[in-house]
Amino acid sequence: MRSFGCPICVHVPKEKRTKLEPFGKKGIFVGYSEDTKAFRVYVSWQNYIKTCRDVIFDEDAAFWKSKGSHLDSDDGI
């Protein structure tokens, strides 16, 4: 099982990209497909949900605290 909401990179096949385009595009993991053995990915810059199998998960980056978080402050509270 993967962490819901973690950032992922979706592989773009060689046939669907030009020479100078990147190998992958960023997205957010939102679940599993009910029909196939694939993942559901929210692509924020195109505002839609895509179903794909070739993804790389970055679960370590999913729950990092921001540097300005109130949990980091040492106010004695």
PDB file of N, CA and C in Angstrom:
ATOM      1  N   MET A   1       0.843  -1.179   0.000  1.00  0.00           N
ATOM      2  CA  MET A   1       0.000   0.000   0.000  1.00  0.00           C
ATOM      3  C   MET A   1       0.892   1.249   0.000  1.00  0.00           C
ATOM      4  N   ARG A   2       0.492   2.214  -0.763  1.00  0.00           N
ATOM      5  CA  ARG A   2       1.237   3.467  -0.878  1.00  0.00           C
ATOM      6  C   ARG A   2       0.538   4.571  -0.102  1.00  0.00           C
ATOM      7  N   SER A   3       1.278   5.609   0.250  1.00  0.00           N
ATOM      8  CA  SER A   3       0.739   6.737   1.005  1.00  0.00           C
ATOM      9  C   SER A   3      -0.093   7.630   0.108  1.00  0.00           C
ATOM     10  N   PHE A   4      -1.332   7.864   0.498  1.00  0.00           N
ATOM     11  CA  PHE A   4      -2.221   8.734  -0.254  1.00  0.00           C
ATOM     12  C   PHE A   4      -1.691  10.161  -0.228  1.00  0.00           C
ATOM     13  N   GLY A   5      -1.657  10.789  -1.399  1.00  0.00           N
ATOM     14  CA  GLY A   5      -1.226  12.177  -1.494  1.00  0.00           C
ATOM     15  C   GLY A   5       0.257  12.378  -1.678  1.00  0.00           C
ATOM     16  N   CYS A   6       1.024  11.304  -1.820  1.00  0.00           N
ATOM     17  CA  CYS A   6       2.461  11.496  -1.979  1.00  0.00           C
ATOM     18  C   CYS A   6       2.787  11.905  -3.425  1.00  0.00           C
ATOM     19  N   PRO A   7       3.820  12.690  -3.615  1.00  0.00           N
ATOM     20  CA  PRO A   7       4.203  13.108  -4.969  1.00  0.00           C
ATOM     21  C   PRO A   7       4.791  11.942  -5.749  1.00  0.00           C
ATOM     22  N   ILE A   8       4.495  11.902  -7.038  1.00  0.00           N
ATOM     23  CA  ILE A   8       5.010  10.846  -7.896  1.00  0.00           C
ATOM     24  C   ILE A   8       5.472  11.434  -9.218  1.00  0.00           C
ATOM     25  N   CYS A   9       6.206  10.637  -9.954  1.00  0.00           N
ATOM     26  CA  CYS A   9       6.658  11.008 -11.290  1.00  0.00           C
ATOM     27  C   CYS A   9       6.112   9.966 -12.262  1.00  0.00           C
ATOM     28  N   VAL A  10       5.364  10.417 -13.272  1.00  0.00           N
ATOM     29  CA  VAL A  10       4.756   9.535 -14.265  1.00  0.00           C
ATOM     30  C   VAL A  10       5.672   9.484 -15.482  1.00  0.00           C
ATOM     31  N   HIS A  11       6.029   8.279 -15.910  1.00  0.00           N
ATOM     32  CA  HIS A  11       6.896   8.107 -17.074  1.00  0.00           C
ATOM     33  C   HIS A  11       6.138   8.446 -18.354  1.00  0.00           C
ATOM     34  N   VAL A  12       6.769   9.223 -19.231  1.00  0.00           N
ATOM     35  CA  VAL A  12       6.211   9.563 -20.542  1.00  0.00           C
ATOM     36  C   VAL A  12       6.944   8.718 -21.580  1.00  0.00           C
ATOM     37  N   PRO A  13       6.212   7.856 -22.336  1.00  0.00           N
ATOM     38  CA  PRO A  13       6.884   7.004 -23.329  1.00  0.00           C
ATOM     39  C   PRO A  13       7.587   7.801 -24.413  1.00  0.00           C
ATOM     40  N   LYS A  14       8.589   7.187 -25.005  1.00  0.00           N
ATOM     41  CA  LYS A  14       9.394   7.839 -26.038  1.00  0.00           C
ATOM     42  C   LYS A  14       8.546   8.293 -27.222  1.00  0.00           C
ATOM     43  N   GLU A  15       7.489   7.555 -27.547  1.00  0.00           N
ATOM     44  CA  GLU A  15       6.636   7.885 -28.684  1.00  0.00           C
ATOM     45  C   GLU A  15       5.790   9.130 -28.447  1.00  0.00           C
ATOM     46  N   LYS A  16       5.578   9.494 -27.180  1.00  0.00           N
ATOM     47  CA  LYS A  16       4.696  10.618 -26.854  1.00  0.00           C
ATOM     48  C   LYS A  16       5.446  11.879 -26.446  1.00  0.00           C
ATOM     49  N   ARG A  17       6.748  11.915 -26.632  1.00  0.00           N
ATOM     50  CA  ARG A  17       7.508  13.116 -26.292  1.00  0.00           C
ATOM     51  C   ARG A  17       8.508  13.433 -27.395  1.00  0.00           C
ATOM     52  N   THR A  18       8.928  14.671 -27.423  1.00  0.00           N
ATOM     53  CA  THR A  18       9.938  15.074 -28.385  1.00  0.00           C
ATOM     54  C   THR A  18      11.317  14.922 -27.752  1.00  0.00           C
ATOM     55  N   LYS A  19      12.331  15.242 -28.507  1.00  0.00           N
ATOM     56  CA  LYS A  19      13.706  15.056 -28.067  1.00  0.00           C
ATOM     57  C   LYS A  19      14.049  15.886 -26.820  1.00  0.00           C
ATOM     58  N   LEU A  20      13.479  17.058 -26.690  1.00  0.00           N
ATOM     59  CA  LEU A  20      13.836  17.961 -25.604  1.00  0.00           C
ATOM     60  C   LEU A  20      12.868  17.939 -24.424  1.00  0.00           C
ATOM     61  N   GLU A  21      11.797  17.169 -24.507  1.00  0.00           N
ATOM     62  CA  GLU A  21      10.842  17.098 -23.408  1.00  0.00           C
ATOM     63  C   GLU A  21      11.345  16.144 -22.326  1.00  0.00           C
ATOM     64  N   PRO A  22      10.891  16.340 -21.083  1.00  0.00           N
ATOM     65  CA  PRO A  22      11.364  15.487 -19.983  1.00  0.00           C
ATOM     66  C   PRO A  22      10.827  14.055 -20.073  1.00  0.00           C
ATOM     67  N   PHE A  23      11.503  13.139 -19.385  1.00  0.00           N
ATOM     68  CA  PHE A  23      11.112  11.733 -19.370  1.00  0.00           C
ATOM     69  C   PHE A  23       9.876  11.483 -18.512  1.00  0.00           C
ATOM     70  N   GLY A  24       9.599  12.384 -17.579  1.00  0.00           N
ATOM     71  CA  GLY A  24       8.472  12.194 -16.675  1.00  0.00           C
ATOM     72  C   GLY A  24       7.783  13.496 -16.337  1.00  0.00           C
ATOM     73  N   LYS A  25       6.581  13.364 -15.792  1.00  0.00           N
ATOM     74  CA  LYS A  25       5.805  14.526 -15.361  1.00  0.00           C
ATOM     75  C   LYS A  25       5.371  14.302 -13.921  1.00  0.00           C
ATOM     76  N   LYS A  26       5.260  15.380 -13.163  1.00  0.00           N
ATOM     77  CA  LYS A  26       4.907  15.292 -11.750  1.00  0.00           C
ATOM     78  C   LYS A  26       3.407  15.158 -11.565  1.00  0.00           C
ATOM     79  N   GLY A  27       3.033  14.472 -10.503  1.00  0.00           N
ATOM     80  CA  GLY A  27       1.631  14.295 -10.157  1.00  0.00           C
ATOM     81  C   GLY A  27       1.504  13.929  -8.689  1.00  0.00           C
ATOM     82  N   ILE A  28       0.266  13.674  -8.254  1.00  0.00           N
ATOM     83  CA  ILE A  28      -0.023  13.310  -6.874  1.00  0.00           C
ATOM     84  C   ILE A  28      -0.827  12.019  -6.873  1.00  0.00           C
ATOM     85  N   PHE A  29      -0.411  11.048  -6.070  1.00  0.00           N
ATOM     86  CA  PHE A  29      -1.092   9.764  -5.975  1.00  0.00           C
ATOM     87  C   PHE A  29      -2.426   9.934  -5.254  1.00  0.00           C
ATOM     88  N   VAL A  30      -3.520   9.501  -5.913  1.00  0.00           N
ATOM     89  CA  VAL A  30      -4.850   9.643  -5.310  1.00  0.00           C
ATOM     90  C   VAL A  30      -5.573   8.320  -5.136  1.00  0.00           C
ATOM     91  N   GLY A  31      -5.007   7.207  -5.597  1.00  0.00           N
ATOM     92  CA  GLY A  31      -5.662   5.929  -5.362  1.00  0.00           C
ATOM     93  C   GLY A  31      -5.287   4.881  -6.382  1.00  0.00           C
ATOM     94  N   TYR A  32      -6.021   3.770  -6.311  1.00  0.00           N
ATOM     95  CA  TYR A  32      -5.802   2.647  -7.205  1.00  0.00           C
ATOM     96  C   TYR A  32      -6.967   2.536  -8.183  1.00  0.00           C
ATOM     97  N   SER A  33      -6.691   2.075  -9.387  1.00  0.00           N
ATOM     98  CA  SER A  33      -7.721   1.868 -10.387  1.00  0.00           C
ATOM     99  C   SER A  33      -8.532   0.630 -10.026  1.00  0.00           C
ATOM    100  N   GLU A  34      -9.840   0.683 -10.244  1.00  0.00           N
ATOM    101  CA  GLU A  34     -10.705  -0.454  -9.955  1.00  0.00           C
ATOM    102  C   GLU A  34     -10.712  -1.459 -11.102  1.00  0.00           C
ATOM    103  N   ASP A  35     -10.390  -1.008 -12.314  1.00  0.00           N
ATOM    104  CA  ASP A  35     -10.481  -1.861 -13.494  1.00  0.00           C
ATOM    105  C   ASP A  35      -9.183  -2.581 -13.828  1.00  0.00           C
ATOM    106  N   THR A  36      -8.043  -1.960 -13.610  1.00  0.00           N
ATOM    107  CA  THR A  36      -6.753  -2.506 -14.015  1.00  0.00           C
ATOM    108  C   THR A  36      -5.768  -2.445 -12.863  1.00  0.00           C
ATOM    109  N   LYS A  37      -4.583  -2.988 -13.073  1.00  0.00           N
ATOM    110  CA  LYS A  37      -3.509  -2.911 -12.091  1.00  0.00           C
ATOM    111  C   LYS A  37      -2.725  -1.623 -12.335  1.00  0.00           C
ATOM    112  N   ALA A  38      -3.347  -0.511 -12.031  1.00  0.00           N
ATOM    113  CA  ALA A  38      -2.740   0.797 -12.287  1.00  0.00           C
ATOM    114  C   ALA A  38      -3.034   1.730 -11.113  1.00  0.00           C
ATOM    115  N   PHE A  39      -2.386   2.876 -11.138  1.00  0.00           N
ATOM    116  CA  PHE A  39      -2.550   3.892 -10.110  1.00  0.00           C
ATOM    117  C   PHE A  39      -3.334   5.064 -10.685  1.00  0.00           C
ATOM    118  N   ARG A  40      -4.076   5.756  -9.821  1.00  0.00           N
ATOM    119  CA  ARG A  40      -4.764   6.977 -10.232  1.00  0.00           C
ATOM    120  C   ARG A  40      -3.918   8.152  -9.769  1.00  0.00           C
ATOM    121  N   VAL A  41      -3.637   9.054 -10.712  1.00  0.00           N
ATOM    122  CA  VAL A  41      -2.721  10.165 -10.474  1.00  0.00           C
ATOM    123  C   VAL A  41      -3.427  11.475 -10.808  1.00  0.00           C
ATOM    124  N   TYR A  42      -3.344  12.439  -9.885  1.00  0.00           N
ATOM    125  CA  TYR A  42      -3.873  13.776 -10.154  1.00  0.00           C
ATOM    126  C   TYR A  42      -2.752  14.611 -10.754  1.00  0.00           C
ATOM    127  N   VAL A  43      -2.976  15.078 -11.980  1.00  0.00           N
ATOM    128  CA  VAL A  43      -2.012  15.925 -12.678  1.00  0.00           C
ATOM    129  C   VAL A  43      -2.491  17.362 -12.499  1.00  0.00           C
ATOM    130  N   SER A  44      -1.842  18.094 -11.599  1.00  0.00           N
ATOM    131  CA  SER A  44      -2.342  19.414 -11.197  1.00  0.00           C
ATOM    132  C   SER A  44      -2.226  20.466 -12.293  1.00  0.00           C
ATOM    133  N   TRP A  45      -1.175  20.419 -13.090  1.00  0.00           N
ATOM    134  CA  TRP A  45      -0.995  21.458 -14.105  1.00  0.00           C
ATOM    135  C   TRP A  45      -1.958  21.286 -15.272  1.00  0.00           C
ATOM    136  N   GLN A  46      -2.609  20.109 -15.419  1.00  0.00           N
ATOM    137  CA  GLN A  46      -3.635  19.931 -16.443  1.00  0.00           C
ATOM    138  C   GLN A  46      -5.008  19.727 -15.814  1.00  0.00           C
ATOM    139  N   ASN A  47      -5.081  19.652 -14.485  1.00  0.00           N
ATOM    140  CA  ASN A  47      -6.319  19.592 -13.724  1.00  0.00           C
ATOM    141  C   ASN A  47      -7.191  18.392 -14.101  1.00  0.00           C
ATOM    142  N   TYR A  48      -6.619  17.198 -14.106  1.00  0.00           N
ATOM    143  CA  TYR A  48      -7.392  15.977 -14.348  1.00  0.00           C
ATOM    144  C   TYR A  48      -6.733  14.792 -13.656  1.00  0.00           C
ATOM    145  N   ILE A  49      -7.460  13.673 -13.584  1.00  0.00           N
ATOM    146  CA  ILE A  49      -6.950  12.445 -12.988  1.00  0.00           C
ATOM    147  C   ILE A  49      -6.657  11.457 -14.098  1.00  0.00           C
ATOM    148  N   LYS A  50      -5.440  10.900 -14.071  1.00  0.00           N
ATOM    149  CA  LYS A  50      -4.967   9.985 -15.103  1.00  0.00           C
ATOM    150  C   LYS A  50      -4.712   8.619 -14.471  1.00  0.00           C
ATOM    151  N   THR A  51      -4.953   7.548 -15.221  1.00  0.00           N
ATOM    152  CA  THR A  51      -4.657   6.198 -14.766  1.00  0.00           C
ATOM    153  C   THR A  51      -3.416   5.715 -15.498  1.00  0.00           C
ATOM    154  N   CYS A  52      -2.380   5.311 -14.750  1.00  0.00           N
ATOM    155  CA  CYS A  52      -1.141   4.865 -15.376  1.00  0.00           C
ATOM    156  C   CYS A  52      -0.419   3.868 -14.476  1.00  0.00           C
ATOM    157  N   ARG A  53       0.468   3.097 -15.082  1.00  0.00           N
ATOM    158  CA  ARG A  53       1.207   2.061 -14.362  1.00  0.00           C
ATOM    159  C   ARG A  53       2.657   2.439 -14.101  1.00  0.00           C
ATOM    160  N   ASP A  54       3.272   3.171 -14.988  1.00  0.00           N
ATOM    161  CA  ASP A  54       4.694   3.493 -14.872  1.00  0.00           C
ATOM    162  C   ASP A  54       4.896   4.757 -14.051  1.00  0.00           C
ATOM    163  N   VAL A  55       5.003   4.589 -12.746  1.00  0.00           N
ATOM    164  CA  VAL A  55       5.181   5.728 -11.847  1.00  0.00           C
ATOM    165  C   VAL A  55       6.308   5.439 -10.863  1.00  0.00           C
ATOM    166  N   ILE A  56       6.896   6.491 -10.343  1.00  0.00           N
ATOM    167  CA  ILE A  56       7.900   6.404  -9.286  1.00  0.00           C
ATOM    168  C   ILE A  56       7.374   7.210  -8.105  1.00  0.00           C
ATOM    169  N   PHE A  57       7.272   6.570  -6.947  1.00  0.00           N
ATOM    170  CA  PHE A  57       6.740   7.218  -5.747  1.00  0.00           C
ATOM    171  C   PHE A  57       7.860   7.893  -4.968  1.00  0.00           C
ATOM    172  N   ASP A  58       7.543   9.052  -4.399  1.00  0.00           N
ATOM    173  CA  ASP A  58       8.480   9.778  -3.537  1.00  0.00           C
ATOM    174  C   ASP A  58       7.804   9.935  -2.174  1.00  0.00           C
ATOM    175  N   GLU A  59       7.668   8.825  -1.460  1.00  0.00           N
ATOM    176  CA  GLU A  59       6.941   8.832  -0.191  1.00  0.00           C
ATOM    177  C   GLU A  59       7.676   9.589   0.915  1.00  0.00           C
ATOM    178  N   ASP A  60       8.988   9.754   0.792  1.00  0.00           N
ATOM    179  CA  ASP A  60       9.732  10.504   1.810  1.00  0.00           C
ATOM    180  C   ASP A  60       9.368  11.982   1.794  1.00  0.00           C
ATOM    181  N   ALA A  61       9.037  12.518   0.642  1.00  0.00           N
ATOM    182  CA  ALA A  61       8.705  13.937   0.521  1.00  0.00           C
ATOM    183  C   ALA A  61       7.255  14.224   0.882  1.00  0.00           C
ATOM    184  N   ALA A  62       6.448  13.211   1.097  1.00  0.00           N
ATOM    185  CA  ALA A  62       5.020  13.411   1.326  1.00  0.00           C
ATOM    186  C   ALA A  62       4.721  14.085   2.650  1.00  0.00           C
ATOM    187  N   PHE A  63       5.492  13.793   3.688  1.00  0.00           N
ATOM    188  CA  PHE A  63       5.134  14.273   5.013  1.00  0.00           C
ATOM    189  C   PHE A  63       6.232  15.091   5.679  1.00  0.00           C
ATOM    190  N   TRP A  64       6.993  15.803   4.873  1.00  0.00           N
ATOM    191  CA  TRP A  64       8.010  16.701   5.413  1.00  0.00           C
ATOM    192  C   TRP A  64       7.341  17.898   6.055  1.00  0.00           C
ATOM    193  N   LYS A  65       7.887  18.340   7.176  1.00  0.00           N
ATOM    194  CA  LYS A  65       7.381  19.557   7.806  1.00  0.00           C
ATOM    195  C   LYS A  65       8.011  20.761   7.122  1.00  0.00           C
ATOM    196  N   SER A  66       7.243  21.812   6.996  1.00  0.00           N
ATOM    197  CA  SER A  66       7.805  23.035   6.432  1.00  0.00           C
ATOM    198  C   SER A  66       8.687  23.707   7.481  1.00  0.00           C
ATOM    199  N   LYS A  67       9.648  24.497   7.036  1.00  0.00           N
ATOM    200  CA  LYS A  67      10.590  25.139   7.952  1.00  0.00           C
ATOM    201  C   LYS A  67       9.906  26.179   8.830  1.00  0.00           C
ATOM    202  N   GLY A  68       8.843  26.799   8.354  1.00  0.00           N
ATOM    203  CA  GLY A  68       8.155  27.827   9.122  1.00  0.00           C
ATOM    204  C   GLY A  68       7.003  27.284   9.938  1.00  0.00           C
ATOM    205  N   SER A  69       6.971  25.994  10.172  1.00  0.00           N
ATOM    206  CA  SER A  69       5.869  25.371  10.887  1.00  0.00           C
ATOM    207  C   SER A  69       5.848  25.807  12.344  1.00  0.00           C
ATOM    208  N   HIS A  70       4.650  25.878  12.926  1.00  0.00           N
ATOM    209  CA  HIS A  70       4.538  26.249  14.330  1.00  0.00           C
ATOM    210  C   HIS A  70       5.073  25.136  15.233  1.00  0.00           C
ATOM    211  N   LEU A  71       5.213  23.920  14.731  1.00  0.00           N
ATOM    212  CA  LEU A  71       5.747  22.823  15.524  1.00  0.00           C
ATOM    213  C   LEU A  71       7.254  22.966  15.740  1.00  0.00           C
ATOM    214  N   ASP A  72       7.904  23.710  14.867  1.00  0.00           N
ATOM    215  CA  ASP A  72       9.353  23.905  14.983  1.00  0.00           C
ATOM    216  C   ASP A  72       9.730  24.994  15.971  1.00  0.00           C
ATOM    217  N   SER A  73       8.800  25.852  16.321  1.00  0.00           N
ATOM    218  CA  SER A  73       9.134  26.978  17.191  1.00  0.00           C
ATOM    219  C   SER A  73       9.338  26.492  18.620  1.00  0.00           C
ATOM    220  N   ASP A  74      10.201  27.178  19.339  1.00  0.00           N
ATOM    221  CA  ASP A  74      10.507  26.823  20.722  1.00  0.00           C
ATOM    222  C   ASP A  74       9.956  27.915  21.648  1.00  0.00           C
ATOM    223  N   ASP A  75       8.623  28.017  21.686  1.00  0.00           N
ATOM    224  CA  ASP A  75       7.971  29.058  22.499  1.00  0.00           C
ATOM    225  C   ASP A  75       7.636  28.571  23.891  1.00  0.00           C
ATOM    226  N   GLY A  76       7.883  27.277  24.169  1.00  0.00           N
ATOM    227  CA  GLY A  76       7.546  26.755  25.481  1.00  0.00           C
ATOM    228  C   GLY A  76       6.079  26.396  25.599  1.00  0.00           C
ATOM    229  N   ILE A  77       5.377  26.359  24.523  1.00  0.00           N
ATOM    230  CA  ILE A  77       3.934  26.027  24.564  1.00  0.00           C
ATOM    231  C   ILE A  77       3.764  24.548  24.460  1.00  0.00           C
TER     232      ILE A  77
END
